[in-house]
Amino acid sequence: MLILMLILPTLFGGQIMIWWSTVFARILSAILALILKQHAYEKEILVSANNEY
């Protein structure tokens, strides 16, 4: 999230947009977390399906 907070202010303009940049960074971080969670869940299902006898 810190990387996004450092990149986004330069994309959206000066000091006023820093708040919006933190909001966008939090939203993007949450979306990325959900995607990674879903990916890990799918891998867990595949691994558990292979381990069943």
PDB file of N, CA and C in Angstrom:
ATOM      1  N   MET A   1       0.825  -1.186   0.000  1.00  0.00           N
ATOM      2  CA  MET A   1       0.000   0.000   0.000  1.00  0.00           C
ATOM      3  C   MET A   1       0.869   1.248   0.000  1.00  0.00           C
ATOM      4  N   LEU A   2       2.005   1.188   0.667  1.00  0.00           N
ATOM      5  CA  LEU A   2       2.898   2.340   0.711  1.00  0.00           C
ATOM      6  C   LEU A   2       3.404   2.695  -0.678  1.00  0.00           C
ATOM      7  N   ILE A   3       3.700   1.685  -1.479  1.00  0.00           N
ATOM      8  CA  ILE A   3       4.163   1.945  -2.845  1.00  0.00           C
ATOM      9  C   ILE A   3       3.081   2.656  -3.638  1.00  0.00           C
ATOM     10  N   LEU A   4       1.838   2.194  -3.518  1.00  0.00           N
ATOM     11  CA  LEU A   4       0.743   2.856  -4.227  1.00  0.00           C
ATOM     12  C   LEU A   4       0.560   4.289  -3.752  1.00  0.00           C
ATOM     13  N   MET A   5       0.715   4.516  -2.438  1.00  0.00           N
ATOM     14  CA  MET A   5       0.551   5.872  -1.912  1.00  0.00           C
ATOM     15  C   MET A   5       1.643   6.802  -2.429  1.00  0.00           C
ATOM     16  N   LEU A   6       2.821   6.265  -2.717  1.00  0.00           N
ATOM     17  CA  LEU A   6       3.899   7.089  -3.245  1.00  0.00           C
ATOM     18  C   LEU A   6       3.748   7.341  -4.740  1.00  0.00           C
ATOM     19  N   ILE A   7       3.167   6.387  -5.465  1.00  0.00           N
ATOM     20  CA  ILE A   7       3.012   6.527  -6.914  1.00  0.00           C
ATOM     21  C   ILE A   7       1.811   7.392  -7.268  1.00  0.00           C
ATOM     22  N   LEU A   8       0.688   7.188  -6.609  1.00  0.00           N
ATOM     23  CA  LEU A   8      -0.553   7.843  -7.007  1.00  0.00           C
ATOM     24  C   LEU A   8      -0.556   9.366  -6.890  1.00  0.00           C
ATOM     25  N   PRO A   9       0.066   9.999  -5.882  1.00  0.00           N
ATOM     26  CA  PRO A   9       0.022  11.464  -5.842  1.00  0.00           C
ATOM     27  C   PRO A   9       0.628  12.119  -7.074  1.00  0.00           C
ATOM     28  N   THR A  10       1.667  11.512  -7.626  1.00  0.00           N
ATOM     29  CA  THR A  10       2.258  12.095  -8.829  1.00  0.00           C
ATOM     30  C   THR A  10       1.347  11.932 -10.035  1.00  0.00           C
ATOM     31  N   LEU A  11       0.524  10.896 -10.023  1.00  0.00           N
ATOM     32  CA  LEU A  11      -0.395  10.689 -11.139  1.00  0.00           C
ATOM     33  C   LEU A  11      -1.590  11.630 -11.080  1.00  0.00           C
ATOM     34  N   PHE A  12      -2.077  11.906  -9.890  1.00  0.00           N
ATOM     35  CA  PHE A  12      -3.308  12.676  -9.754  1.00  0.00           C
ATOM     36  C   PHE A  12      -3.085  14.134  -9.376  1.00  0.00           C
ATOM     37  N   GLY A  13      -1.855  14.580  -9.240  1.00  0.00           N
ATOM     38  CA  GLY A  13      -1.613  15.981  -8.942  1.00  0.00           C
ATOM     39  C   GLY A  13      -1.264  16.209  -7.483  1.00  0.00           C
ATOM     40  N   GLY A  14      -0.958  17.429  -7.150  1.00  0.00           N
ATOM     41  CA  GLY A  14      -0.332  17.895  -5.926  1.00  0.00           C
ATOM     42  C   GLY A  14      -0.892  17.478  -4.581  1.00  0.00           C
ATOM     43  N   GLN A  15      -0.743  18.378  -3.639  1.00  0.00           N
ATOM     44  CA  GLN A  15      -1.024  18.131  -2.226  1.00  0.00           C
ATOM     45  C   GLN A  15      -2.494  17.805  -1.973  1.00  0.00           C
ATOM     46  N   ILE A  16      -3.396  18.403  -2.722  1.00  0.00           N
ATOM     47  CA  ILE A  16      -4.832  18.200  -2.508  1.00  0.00           C
ATOM     48  C   ILE A  16      -5.232  16.757  -2.800  1.00  0.00           C
ATOM     49  N   MET A  17      -4.567  16.145  -3.748  1.00  0.00           N
ATOM     50  CA  MET A  17      -4.969  14.813  -4.175  1.00  0.00           C
ATOM     51  C   MET A  17      -4.355  13.695  -3.342  1.00  0.00           C
ATOM     52  N   ILE A  18      -3.552  14.027  -2.333  1.00  0.00           N
ATOM     53  CA  ILE A  18      -2.925  12.982  -1.520  1.00  0.00           C
ATOM     54  C   ILE A  18      -3.983  12.164  -0.787  1.00  0.00           C
ATOM     55  N   TRP A  19      -5.044  12.822  -0.292  1.00  0.00           N
ATOM     56  CA  TRP A  19      -6.097  12.084   0.406  1.00  0.00           C
ATOM     57  C   TRP A  19      -6.762  11.092  -0.537  1.00  0.00           C
ATOM     58  N   TRP A  20      -7.096  11.556  -1.742  1.00  0.00           N
ATOM     59  CA  TRP A  20      -7.720  10.654  -2.705  1.00  0.00           C
ATOM     60  C   TRP A  20      -6.772   9.533  -3.095  1.00  0.00           C
ATOM     61  N   SER A  21      -5.495   9.834  -3.153  1.00  0.00           N
ATOM     62  CA  SER A  21      -4.518   8.803  -3.492  1.00  0.00           C
ATOM     63  C   SER A  21      -4.484   7.713  -2.427  1.00  0.00           C
ATOM     64  N   THR A  22      -4.600   8.101  -1.156  1.00  0.00           N
ATOM     65  CA  THR A  22      -4.626   7.081  -0.107  1.00  0.00           C
ATOM     66  C   THR A  22      -5.902   6.247  -0.199  1.00  0.00           C
ATOM     67  N   VAL A  23      -7.000   6.886  -0.565  1.00  0.00           N
ATOM     68  CA  VAL A  23      -8.260   6.144  -0.740  1.00  0.00           C
ATOM     69  C   VAL A  23      -8.117   5.146  -1.881  1.00  0.00           C
ATOM     70  N   PHE A  24      -7.583   5.597  -3.016  1.00  0.00           N
ATOM     71  CA  PHE A  24      -7.382   4.687  -4.147  1.00  0.00           C
ATOM     72  C   PHE A  24      -6.407   3.571  -3.792  1.00  0.00           C
ATOM     73  N   ALA A  25      -5.363   3.893  -3.046  1.00  0.00           N
ATOM     74  CA  ALA A  25      -4.392   2.877  -2.642  1.00  0.00           C
ATOM     75  C   ALA A  25      -5.050   1.826  -1.754  1.00  0.00           C
ATOM     76  N   ARG A  26      -5.916   2.253  -0.847  1.00  0.00           N
ATOM     77  CA  ARG A  26      -6.607   1.290   0.027  1.00  0.00           C
ATOM     78  C   ARG A  26      -7.564   0.416  -0.779  1.00  0.00           C
ATOM     79  N   ILE A  27      -8.272   1.020  -1.728  1.00  0.00           N
ATOM     80  CA  ILE A  27      -9.195   0.247  -2.565  1.00  0.00           C
ATOM     81  C   ILE A  27      -8.428  -0.771  -3.400  1.00  0.00           C
ATOM     82  N   LEU A  28      -7.341  -0.327  -4.043  1.00  0.00           N
ATOM     83  CA  LEU A  28      -6.548  -1.242  -4.860  1.00  0.00           C
ATOM     84  C   LEU A  28      -5.919  -2.342  -4.007  1.00  0.00           C
ATOM     85  N   SER A  29      -5.492  -2.016  -2.803  1.00  0.00           N
ATOM     86  CA  SER A  29      -4.927  -3.026  -1.904  1.00  0.00           C
ATOM     87  C   SER A  29      -5.980  -4.059  -1.512  1.00  0.00           C
ATOM     88  N   ALA A  30      -7.191  -3.596  -1.251  1.00  0.00           N
ATOM     89  CA  ALA A  30      -8.272  -4.517  -0.886  1.00  0.00           C
ATOM     90  C   ALA A  30      -8.624  -5.433  -2.055  1.00  0.00           C
ATOM     91  N   ILE A  31      -8.677  -4.876  -3.256  1.00  0.00           N
ATOM     92  CA  ILE A  31      -8.978  -5.688  -4.441  1.00  0.00           C
ATOM     93  C   ILE A  31      -7.884  -6.728  -4.660  1.00  0.00           C
ATOM     94  N   LEU A  32      -6.625  -6.300  -4.535  1.00  0.00           N
ATOM     95  CA  LEU A  32      -5.514  -7.231  -4.694  1.00  0.00           C
ATOM     96  C   LEU A  32      -5.564  -8.328  -3.635  1.00  0.00           C
ATOM     97  N   ALA A  33      -5.904  -7.974  -2.401  1.00  0.00           N
ATOM     98  CA  ALA A  33      -6.009  -8.969  -1.333  1.00  0.00           C
ATOM     99  C   ALA A  33      -7.104  -9.987  -1.638  1.00  0.00           C
ATOM    100  N   LEU A  34      -8.236  -9.520  -2.151  1.00  0.00           N
ATOM    101  CA  LEU A  34      -9.319 -10.446  -2.496  1.00  0.00           C
ATOM    102  C   LEU A  34      -8.916 -11.382  -3.627  1.00  0.00           C
ATOM    103  N   ILE A  35      -8.227 -10.845  -4.629  1.00  0.00           N
ATOM    104  CA  ILE A  35      -7.774 -11.676  -5.747  1.00  0.00           C
ATOM    105  C   ILE A  35      -6.785 -12.731  -5.257  1.00  0.00           C
ATOM    106  N   LEU A  36      -5.824 -12.316  -4.429  1.00  0.00           N
ATOM    107  CA  LEU A  36      -4.839 -13.269  -3.915  1.00  0.00           C
ATOM    108  C   LEU A  36      -5.483 -14.301  -2.994  1.00  0.00           C
ATOM    109  N   LYS A  37      -6.471 -13.882  -2.206  1.00  0.00           N
ATOM    110  CA  LYS A  37      -7.171 -14.818  -1.324  1.00  0.00           C
ATOM    111  C   LYS A  37      -7.913 -15.865  -2.146  1.00  0.00           C
ATOM    112  N   GLN A  38      -8.582 -15.433  -3.203  1.00  0.00           N
ATOM    113  CA  GLN A  38      -9.312 -16.363  -4.063  1.00  0.00           C
ATOM    114  C   GLN A  38      -8.348 -17.333  -4.742  1.00  0.00           C
ATOM    115  N   HIS A  39      -7.215 -16.810  -5.196  1.00  0.00           N
ATOM    116  CA  HIS A  39      -6.215 -17.655  -5.849  1.00  0.00           C
ATOM    117  C   HIS A  39      -5.670 -18.701  -4.873  1.00  0.00           C
ATOM    118  N   ALA A  40      -5.374 -18.283  -3.651  1.00  0.00           N
ATOM    119  CA  ALA A  40      -4.869 -19.211  -2.638  1.00  0.00           C
ATOM    120  C   ALA A  40      -5.934 -20.241  -2.281  1.00  0.00           C
ATOM    121  N   TYR A  41      -7.193 -19.829  -2.209  1.00  0.00           N
ATOM    122  CA  TYR A  41      -8.282 -20.748  -1.885  1.00  0.00           C
ATOM    123  C   TYR A  41      -8.418 -21.811  -2.975  1.00  0.00           C
ATOM    124  N   GLU A  42      -8.313 -21.401  -4.240  1.00  0.00           N
ATOM    125  CA  GLU A  42      -8.412 -22.362  -5.338  1.00  0.00           C
ATOM    126  C   GLU A  42      -7.254 -23.352  -5.301  1.00  0.00           C
ATOM    127  N   LYS A  43      -6.049 -22.869  -4.998  1.00  0.00           N
ATOM    128  CA  LYS A  43      -4.904 -23.781  -4.902  1.00  0.00           C
ATOM    129  C   LYS A  43      -5.080 -24.743  -3.736  1.00  0.00           C
ATOM    130  N   GLU A  44      -5.639 -24.263  -2.633  1.00  0.00           N
ATOM    131  CA  GLU A  44      -5.863 -25.119  -1.468  1.00  0.00           C
ATOM    132  C   GLU A  44      -6.851 -26.226  -1.811  1.00  0.00           C
ATOM    133  N   ILE A  45      -7.878 -25.900  -2.569  1.00  0.00           N
ATOM    134  CA  ILE A  45      -8.860 -26.907  -2.982  1.00  0.00           C
ATOM    135  C   ILE A  45      -8.193 -27.957  -3.866  1.00  0.00           C
ATOM    136  N   LEU A  46      -7.337 -27.509  -4.798  1.00  0.00           N
ATOM    137  CA  LEU A  46      -6.652 -28.454  -5.675  1.00  0.00           C
ATOM    138  C   LEU A  46      -5.717 -29.366  -4.889  1.00  0.00           C
ATOM    139  N   VAL A  47      -4.994 -28.816  -3.941  1.00  0.00           N
ATOM    140  CA  VAL A  47      -4.063 -29.617  -3.144  1.00  0.00           C
ATOM    141  C   VAL A  47      -4.831 -30.605  -2.281  1.00  0.00           C
ATOM    142  N   SER A  48      -5.911 -30.166  -1.651  1.00  0.00           N
ATOM    143  CA  SER A  48      -6.675 -31.076  -0.798  1.00  0.00           C
ATOM    144  C   SER A  48      -7.366 -32.154  -1.626  1.00  0.00           C
ATOM    145  N   ALA A  49      -7.763 -31.841  -2.855  1.00  0.00           N
ATOM    146  CA  ALA A  49      -8.388 -32.841  -3.715  1.00  0.00           C
ATOM    147  C   ALA A  49      -7.372 -33.900  -4.132  1.00  0.00           C
ATOM    148  N   ASN A  50      -6.129 -33.500  -4.325  1.00  0.00           N
ATOM    149  CA  ASN A  50      -5.088 -34.458  -4.702  1.00  0.00           C
ATOM    150  C   ASN A  50      -4.659 -35.335  -3.533  1.00  0.00           C
ATOM    151  N   ASN A  51      -4.822 -34.863  -2.311  1.00  0.00           N
ATOM    152  CA  ASN A  51      -4.389 -35.620  -1.138  1.00  0.00           C
ATOM    153  C   ASN A  51      -5.450 -36.577  -0.618  1.00  0.00           C
ATOM    154  N   GLU A  52      -6.654 -36.530  -1.141  1.00  0.00           N
ATOM    155  CA  GLU A  52      -7.701 -37.442  -0.687  1.00  0.00           C
ATOM    156  C   GLU A  52      -7.460 -38.827  -1.272  1.00  0.00           C
ATOM    157  N   TYR A  53      -7.688 -39.827  -0.435  1.00  0.00           N
ATOM    158  CA  TYR A  53      -7.483 -41.200  -0.890  1.00  0.00           C
ATOM    159  C   TYR A  53      -8.780 -41.921  -1.009  1.00  0.00           C
TER     160      TYR A  53
END
